[in-house]
Amino acid sequence: MAIALDNLRVGRRYLLINQGESRRLEIVLRLHGDNFKVKDLDTLEYYTIEELLQWGRGKDYDLDEIR
């Protein structure tokens, strides 16, 4: 079961699966509301959660903490 966006914590790492894509993310900063600045652990690029979810949540949407 996916974690709710308001339960994300700065400094923690998560696996996001959506629309057939899988990303390992680290939360860098809470911006406002349910939006966060995140670092992609594979490409080292920075995104916001809003950018990653701008096309909606697919049937395969899952967000879980990784250790």
PDB file of N, CA and C in Angstrom:
ATOM      1  N   MET A   1       0.838  -1.173   0.000  1.00  0.00           N
ATOM      2  CA  MET A   1       0.000   0.000   0.000  1.00  0.00           C
ATOM      3  C   MET A   1       0.885   1.239   0.000  1.00  0.00           C
ATOM      4  N   ALA A   2       0.534   2.220  -0.782  1.00  0.00           N
ATOM      5  CA  ALA A   2       1.329   3.438  -0.942  1.00  0.00           C
ATOM      6  C   ALA A   2       1.259   4.325   0.299  1.00  0.00           C
ATOM      7  N   ILE A   3       2.361   4.995   0.577  1.00  0.00           N
ATOM      8  CA  ILE A   3       2.438   5.962   1.657  1.00  0.00           C
ATOM      9  C   ILE A   3       1.782   7.260   1.177  1.00  0.00           C
ATOM     10  N   ALA A   4       1.043   7.916   2.029  1.00  0.00           N
ATOM     11  CA  ALA A   4       0.449   9.216   1.687  1.00  0.00           C
ATOM     12  C   ALA A   4       1.548  10.269   1.615  1.00  0.00           C
ATOM     13  N   LEU A   5       1.410  11.227   0.722  1.00  0.00           N
ATOM     14  CA  LEU A   5       2.434  12.250   0.536  1.00  0.00           C
ATOM     15  C   LEU A   5       2.694  13.059   1.798  1.00  0.00           C
ATOM     16  N   ASP A   6       1.684  13.261   2.628  1.00  0.00           N
ATOM     17  CA  ASP A   6       1.895  14.041   3.851  1.00  0.00           C
ATOM     18  C   ASP A   6       2.676  13.270   4.911  1.00  0.00           C
ATOM     19  N   ASN A   7       2.963  11.988   4.671  1.00  0.00           N
ATOM     20  CA  ASN A   7       3.763  11.190   5.595  1.00  0.00           C
ATOM     21  C   ASN A   7       5.230  11.103   5.196  1.00  0.00           C
ATOM     22  N   LEU A   8       5.634  11.763   4.108  1.00  0.00           N
ATOM     23  CA  LEU A   8       7.032  11.744   3.681  1.00  0.00           C
ATOM     24  C   LEU A   8       7.872  12.585   4.633  1.00  0.00           C
ATOM     25  N   ARG A   9       9.116  12.172   4.841  1.00  0.00           N
ATOM     26  CA  ARG A   9      10.003  12.867   5.772  1.00  0.00           C
ATOM     27  C   ARG A   9      11.297  13.254   5.082  1.00  0.00           C
ATOM     28  N   VAL A  10      11.791  14.452   5.365  1.00  0.00           N
ATOM     29  CA  VAL A  10      13.043  14.935   4.798  1.00  0.00           C
ATOM     30  C   VAL A  10      14.182  14.022   5.241  1.00  0.00           C
ATOM     31  N   GLY A  11      15.053  13.673   4.285  1.00  0.00           N
ATOM     32  CA  GLY A  11      16.204  12.817   4.573  1.00  0.00           C
ATOM     33  C   GLY A  11      15.945  11.339   4.360  1.00  0.00           C
ATOM     34  N   ARG A  12      14.703  10.953   4.205  1.00  0.00           N
ATOM     35  CA  ARG A  12      14.375   9.534   3.996  1.00  0.00           C
ATOM     36  C   ARG A  12      14.351   9.208   2.513  1.00  0.00           C
ATOM     37  N   ARG A  13      14.476   7.922   2.207  1.00  0.00           N
ATOM     38  CA  ARG A  13      14.510   7.458   0.819  1.00  0.00           C
ATOM     39  C   ARG A  13      13.270   6.626   0.518  1.00  0.00           C
ATOM     40  N   TYR A  14      12.762   6.797  -0.705  1.00  0.00           N
ATOM     41  CA  TYR A  14      11.519   6.141  -1.104  1.00  0.00           C
ATOM     42  C   TYR A  14      11.639   5.582  -2.520  1.00  0.00           C
ATOM     43  N   LEU A  15      10.849   4.581  -2.803  1.00  0.00           N
ATOM     44  CA  LEU A  15      10.715   4.023  -4.140  1.00  0.00           C
ATOM     45  C   LEU A  15       9.355   4.442  -4.658  1.00  0.00           C
ATOM     46  N   LEU A  16       9.346   5.171  -5.785  1.00  0.00           N
ATOM     47  CA  LEU A  16       8.117   5.629  -6.426  1.00  0.00           C
ATOM     48  C   LEU A  16       7.926   4.864  -7.724  1.00  0.00           C
ATOM     49  N   ILE A  17       6.802   4.197  -7.842  1.00  0.00           N
ATOM     50  CA  ILE A  17       6.429   3.517  -9.075  1.00  0.00           C
ATOM     51  C   ILE A  17       5.153   4.180  -9.568  1.00  0.00           C
ATOM     52  N   ASN A  18       5.185   4.651 -10.829  1.00  0.00           N
ATOM     53  CA  ASN A  18       4.023   5.319 -11.401  1.00  0.00           C
ATOM     54  C   ASN A  18       4.138   5.319 -12.921  1.00  0.00           C
ATOM     55  N   GLN A  19       3.045   5.023 -13.592  1.00  0.00           N
ATOM     56  CA  GLN A  19       2.973   5.046 -15.051  1.00  0.00           C
ATOM     57  C   GLN A  19       4.081   4.198 -15.689  1.00  0.00           C
ATOM     58  N   GLY A  20       4.417   3.064 -15.068  1.00  0.00           N
ATOM     59  CA  GLY A  20       5.413   2.157 -15.620  1.00  0.00           C
ATOM     60  C   GLY A  20       6.857   2.542 -15.337  1.00  0.00           C
ATOM     61  N   GLU A  21       7.083   3.640 -14.622  1.00  0.00           N
ATOM     62  CA  GLU A  21       8.433   4.077 -14.284  1.00  0.00           C
ATOM     63  C   GLU A  21       8.701   3.844 -12.810  1.00  0.00           C
ATOM     64  N   SER A  22       9.934   3.499 -12.509  1.00  0.00           N
ATOM     65  CA  SER A  22      10.357   3.272 -11.138  1.00  0.00           C
ATOM     66  C   SER A  22      11.491   4.239 -10.815  1.00  0.00           C
ATOM     67  N   ARG A  23      11.370   4.958  -9.699  1.00  0.00           N
ATOM     68  CA  ARG A  23      12.398   5.916  -9.295  1.00  0.00           C
ATOM     69  C   ARG A  23      12.710   5.757  -7.817  1.00  0.00           C
ATOM     70  N   ARG A  24      13.994   5.786  -7.510  1.00  0.00           N
ATOM     71  CA  ARG A  24      14.442   5.801  -6.122  1.00  0.00           C
ATOM     72  C   ARG A  24      14.748   7.250  -5.778  1.00  0.00           C
ATOM     73  N   LEU A  25      14.071   7.773  -4.748  1.00  0.00           N
ATOM     74  CA  LEU A  25      14.131   9.195  -4.420  1.00  0.00           C
ATOM     75  C   LEU A  25      14.565   9.421  -2.990  1.00  0.00           C
ATOM     76  N   GLU A  26      15.217  10.557  -2.760  1.00  0.00           N
ATOM     77  CA  GLU A  26      15.501  11.024  -1.408  1.00  0.00           C
ATOM     78  C   GLU A  26      14.832  12.380  -1.247  1.00  0.00           C
ATOM     79  N   ILE A  27      14.103  12.560  -0.160  1.00  0.00           N
ATOM     80  CA  ILE A  27      13.419  13.824   0.098  1.00  0.00           C
ATOM     81  C   ILE A  27      14.451  14.827   0.606  1.00  0.00           C
ATOM     82  N   VAL A  28      14.565  15.967  -0.083  1.00  0.00           N
ATOM     83  CA  VAL A  28      15.554  16.981   0.248  1.00  0.00           C
ATOM     84  C   VAL A  28      14.941  18.118   1.061  1.00  0.00           C
ATOM     85  N   LEU A  29      13.738  18.558   0.665  1.00  0.00           N
ATOM     86  CA  LEU A  29      13.133  19.739   1.282  1.00  0.00           C
ATOM     87  C   LEU A  29      11.627  19.691   1.119  1.00  0.00           C
ATOM     88  N   ARG A  30      10.912  20.087   2.149  1.00  0.00           N
ATOM     89  CA  ARG A  30       9.459  20.237   2.035  1.00  0.00           C
ATOM     90  C   ARG A  30       9.186  21.649   1.557  1.00  0.00           C
ATOM     91  N   LEU A  31       8.503  21.784   0.433  1.00  0.00           N
ATOM     92  CA  LEU A  31       8.250  23.101  -0.154  1.00  0.00           C
ATOM     93  C   LEU A  31       6.977  23.717   0.399  1.00  0.00           C
ATOM     94  N   HIS A  32       5.828  23.124   0.121  1.00  0.00           N
ATOM     95  CA  HIS A  32       4.550  23.605   0.652  1.00  0.00           C
ATOM     96  C   HIS A  32       3.522  22.506   0.470  1.00  0.00           C
ATOM     97  N   GLY A  33       2.628  22.391   1.417  1.00  0.00           N
ATOM     98  CA  GLY A  33       1.589  21.361   1.336  1.00  0.00           C
ATOM     99  C   GLY A  33       2.172  19.974   1.146  1.00  0.00           C
ATOM    100  N   ASP A  34       1.756  19.310   0.073  1.00  0.00           N
ATOM    101  CA  ASP A  34       2.240  17.971  -0.233  1.00  0.00           C
ATOM    102  C   ASP A  34       3.326  17.988  -1.296  1.00  0.00           C
ATOM    103  N   ASN A  35       3.990  19.107  -1.501  1.00  0.00           N
ATOM    104  CA  ASN A  35       5.042  19.193  -2.511  1.00  0.00           C
ATOM    105  C   ASN A  35       6.417  19.154  -1.831  1.00  0.00           C
ATOM    106  N   PHE A  36       7.318  18.390  -2.412  1.00  0.00           N
ATOM    107  CA  PHE A  36       8.658  18.224  -1.873  1.00  0.00           C
ATOM    108  C   PHE A  36       9.679  18.344  -2.990  1.00  0.00           C
ATOM    109  N   LYS A  37      10.867  18.817  -2.652  1.00  0.00           N
ATOM    110  CA  LYS A  37      11.992  18.750  -3.568  1.00  0.00           C
ATOM    111  C   LYS A  37      12.657  17.410  -3.314  1.00  0.00           C
ATOM    112  N   VAL A  38      12.883  16.627  -4.381  1.00  0.00           N
ATOM    113  CA  VAL A  38      13.444  15.290  -4.235  1.00  0.00           C
ATOM    114  C   VAL A  38      14.666  15.125  -5.122  1.00  0.00           C
ATOM    115  N   LYS A  39      15.562  14.251  -4.714  1.00  0.00           N
ATOM    116  CA  LYS A  39      16.750  13.922  -5.491  1.00  0.00           C
ATOM    117  C   LYS A  39      16.590  12.499  -6.003  1.00  0.00           C
ATOM    118  N   ASP A  40      16.718  12.319  -7.315  1.00  0.00           N
ATOM    119  CA  ASP A  40      16.677  10.987  -7.925  1.00  0.00           C
ATOM    120  C   ASP A  40      18.004  10.315  -7.617  1.00  0.00           C
ATOM    121  N   LEU A  41      17.992   9.197  -6.931  1.00  0.00           N
ATOM    122  CA  LEU A  41      19.219   8.534  -6.503  1.00  0.00           C
ATOM    123  C   LEU A  41      19.945   7.822  -7.637  1.00  0.00           C
ATOM    124  N   ASP A  42      19.296   7.616  -8.764  1.00  0.00           N
ATOM    125  CA  ASP A  42      19.942   6.964  -9.901  1.00  0.00           C
ATOM    126  C   ASP A  42      20.592   7.981 -10.833  1.00  0.00           C
ATOM    127  N   THR A  43      19.908   9.093 -11.126  1.00  0.00           N
ATOM    128  CA  THR A  43      20.433  10.089 -12.067  1.00  0.00           C
ATOM    129  C   THR A  43      21.019  11.311 -11.362  1.00  0.00           C
ATOM    130  N   LEU A  44      20.777  11.453 -10.060  1.00  0.00           N
ATOM    131  CA  LEU A  44      21.222  12.579  -9.237  1.00  0.00           C
ATOM    132  C   LEU A  44      20.576  13.906  -9.650  1.00  0.00           C
ATOM    133  N   GLU A  45      19.472  13.846 -10.386  1.00  0.00           N
ATOM    134  CA  GLU A  45      18.724  15.043 -10.759  1.00  0.00           C
ATOM    135  C   GLU A  45      17.756  15.405  -9.639  1.00  0.00           C
ATOM    136  N   TYR A  46      17.356  16.670  -9.621  1.00  0.00           N
ATOM    137  CA  TYR A  46      16.393  17.160  -8.645  1.00  0.00           C
ATOM    138  C   TYR A  46      15.061  17.417  -9.327  1.00  0.00           C
ATOM    139  N   TYR A  47      13.969  17.038  -8.652  1.00  0.00           N
ATOM    140  CA  TYR A  47      12.612  17.235  -9.139  1.00  0.00           C
ATOM    141  C   TYR A  47      11.759  17.698  -7.972  1.00  0.00           C
ATOM    142  N   THR A  48      10.497  17.993  -8.271  1.00  0.00           N
ATOM    143  CA  THR A  48       9.507  18.143  -7.221  1.00  0.00           C
ATOM    144  C   THR A  48       8.515  16.989  -7.378  1.00  0.00           C
ATOM    145  N   ILE A  49       7.842  16.659  -6.306  1.00  0.00           N
ATOM    146  CA  ILE A  49       6.830  15.602  -6.370  1.00  0.00           C
ATOM    147  C   ILE A  49       5.742  15.987  -7.372  1.00  0.00           C
ATOM    148  N   GLU A  50       5.393  17.278  -7.414  1.00  0.00           N
ATOM    149  CA  GLU A  50       4.371  17.732  -8.369  1.00  0.00           C
ATOM    150  C   GLU A  50       4.785  17.435  -9.806  1.00  0.00           C
ATOM    151  N   GLU A  51       6.064  17.608 -10.137  1.00  0.00           N
ATOM    152  CA  GLU A  51       6.542  17.301 -11.490  1.00  0.00           C
ATOM    153  C   GLU A  51       6.403  15.816 -11.798  1.00  0.00           C
ATOM    154  N   LEU A  52       6.701  14.982 -10.832  1.00  0.00           N
ATOM    155  CA  LEU A  52       6.645  13.537 -11.048  1.00  0.00           C
ATOM    156  C   LEU A  52       5.217  13.022 -11.158  1.00  0.00           C
ATOM    157  N   LEU A  53       4.273  13.711 -10.533  1.00  0.00           N
ATOM    158  CA  LEU A  53       2.881  13.263 -10.546  1.00  0.00           C
ATOM    159  C   LEU A  53       1.975  14.147 -11.405  1.00  0.00           C
ATOM    160  N   GLN A  54       2.548  15.016 -12.226  1.00  0.00           N
ATOM    161  CA  GLN A  54       1.746  15.958 -13.003  1.00  0.00           C
ATOM    162  C   GLN A  54       0.807  15.282 -13.995  1.00  0.00           C
ATOM    163  N   TRP A  55       1.109  14.083 -14.440  1.00  0.00           N
ATOM    164  CA  TRP A  55       0.251  13.372 -15.400  1.00  0.00           C
ATOM    165  C   TRP A  55      -0.710  12.427 -14.706  1.00  0.00           C
ATOM    166  N   GLY A  56      -0.786  12.503 -13.380  1.00  0.00           N
ATOM    167  CA  GLY A  56      -1.730  11.681 -12.630  1.00  0.00           C
ATOM    168  C   GLY A  56      -1.074  10.435 -12.063  1.00  0.00           C
ATOM    169  N   ARG A  57      -1.861   9.709 -11.332  1.00  0.00           N
ATOM    170  CA  ARG A  57      -1.394   8.466 -10.716  1.00  0.00           C
ATOM    171  C   ARG A  57      -1.960   7.297 -11.503  1.00  0.00           C
ATOM    172  N   GLY A  58      -1.076   6.444 -11.983  1.00  0.00           N
ATOM    173  CA  GLY A  58      -1.495   5.289 -12.769  1.00  0.00           C
ATOM    174  C   GLY A  58      -1.997   4.158 -11.893  1.00  0.00           C
ATOM    175  N   LYS A  59      -2.452   3.099 -12.539  1.00  0.00           N
ATOM    176  CA  LYS A  59      -2.945   1.920 -11.824  1.00  0.00           C
ATOM    177  C   LYS A  59      -1.844   1.261 -11.006  1.00  0.00           C
ATOM    178  N   ASP A  60      -0.595   1.451 -11.428  1.00  0.00           N
ATOM    179  CA  ASP A  60       0.535   0.817 -10.755  1.00  0.00           C
ATOM    180  C   ASP A  60       1.177   1.716  -9.685  1.00  0.00           C
ATOM    181  N   TYR A  61       0.566   2.857  -9.356  1.00  0.00           N
ATOM    182  CA  TYR A  61       1.140   3.818  -8.407  1.00  0.00           C
ATOM    183  C   TYR A  61       1.440   3.152  -7.073  1.00  0.00           C
ATOM    184  N   ASP A  62       2.688   3.356  -6.614  1.00  0.00           N
ATOM    185  CA  ASP A  62       3.095   2.855  -5.301  1.00  0.00           C
ATOM    186  C   ASP A  62       4.216   3.735  -4.796  1.00  0.00           C
ATOM    187  N   LEU A  63       4.228   4.021  -3.521  1.00  0.00           N
ATOM    188  CA  LEU A  63       5.261   4.829  -2.890  1.00  0.00           C
ATOM    189  C   LEU A  63       5.583   4.179  -1.553  1.00  0.00           C
ATOM    190  N   ASP A  64       6.798   3.663  -1.424  1.00  0.00           N
ATOM    191  CA  ASP A  64       7.218   2.969  -0.209  1.00  0.00           C
ATOM    192  C   ASP A  64       8.603   3.413   0.215  1.00  0.00           C
ATOM    193  N   GLU A  65       8.841   3.398   1.510  1.00  0.00           N
ATOM    194  CA  GLU A  65      10.157   3.754   2.024  1.00  0.00           C
ATOM    195  C   GLU A  65      11.133   2.615   1.766  1.00  0.00           C
ATOM    196  N   ILE A  66      12.377   2.983   1.406  1.00  0.00           N
ATOM    197  CA  ILE A  66      13.430   1.984   1.257  1.00  0.00           C
ATOM    198  C   ILE A  66      14.485   2.270   2.312  1.00  0.00           C
ATOM    199  N   ARG A  67      15.193   1.281   2.677  1.00  0.00           N
ATOM    200  CA  ARG A  67      16.207   1.418   3.741  1.00  0.00           C
ATOM    201  C   ARG A  67      17.589   1.276   3.201  1.00  0.00           C
TER     202      ARG A  67
END
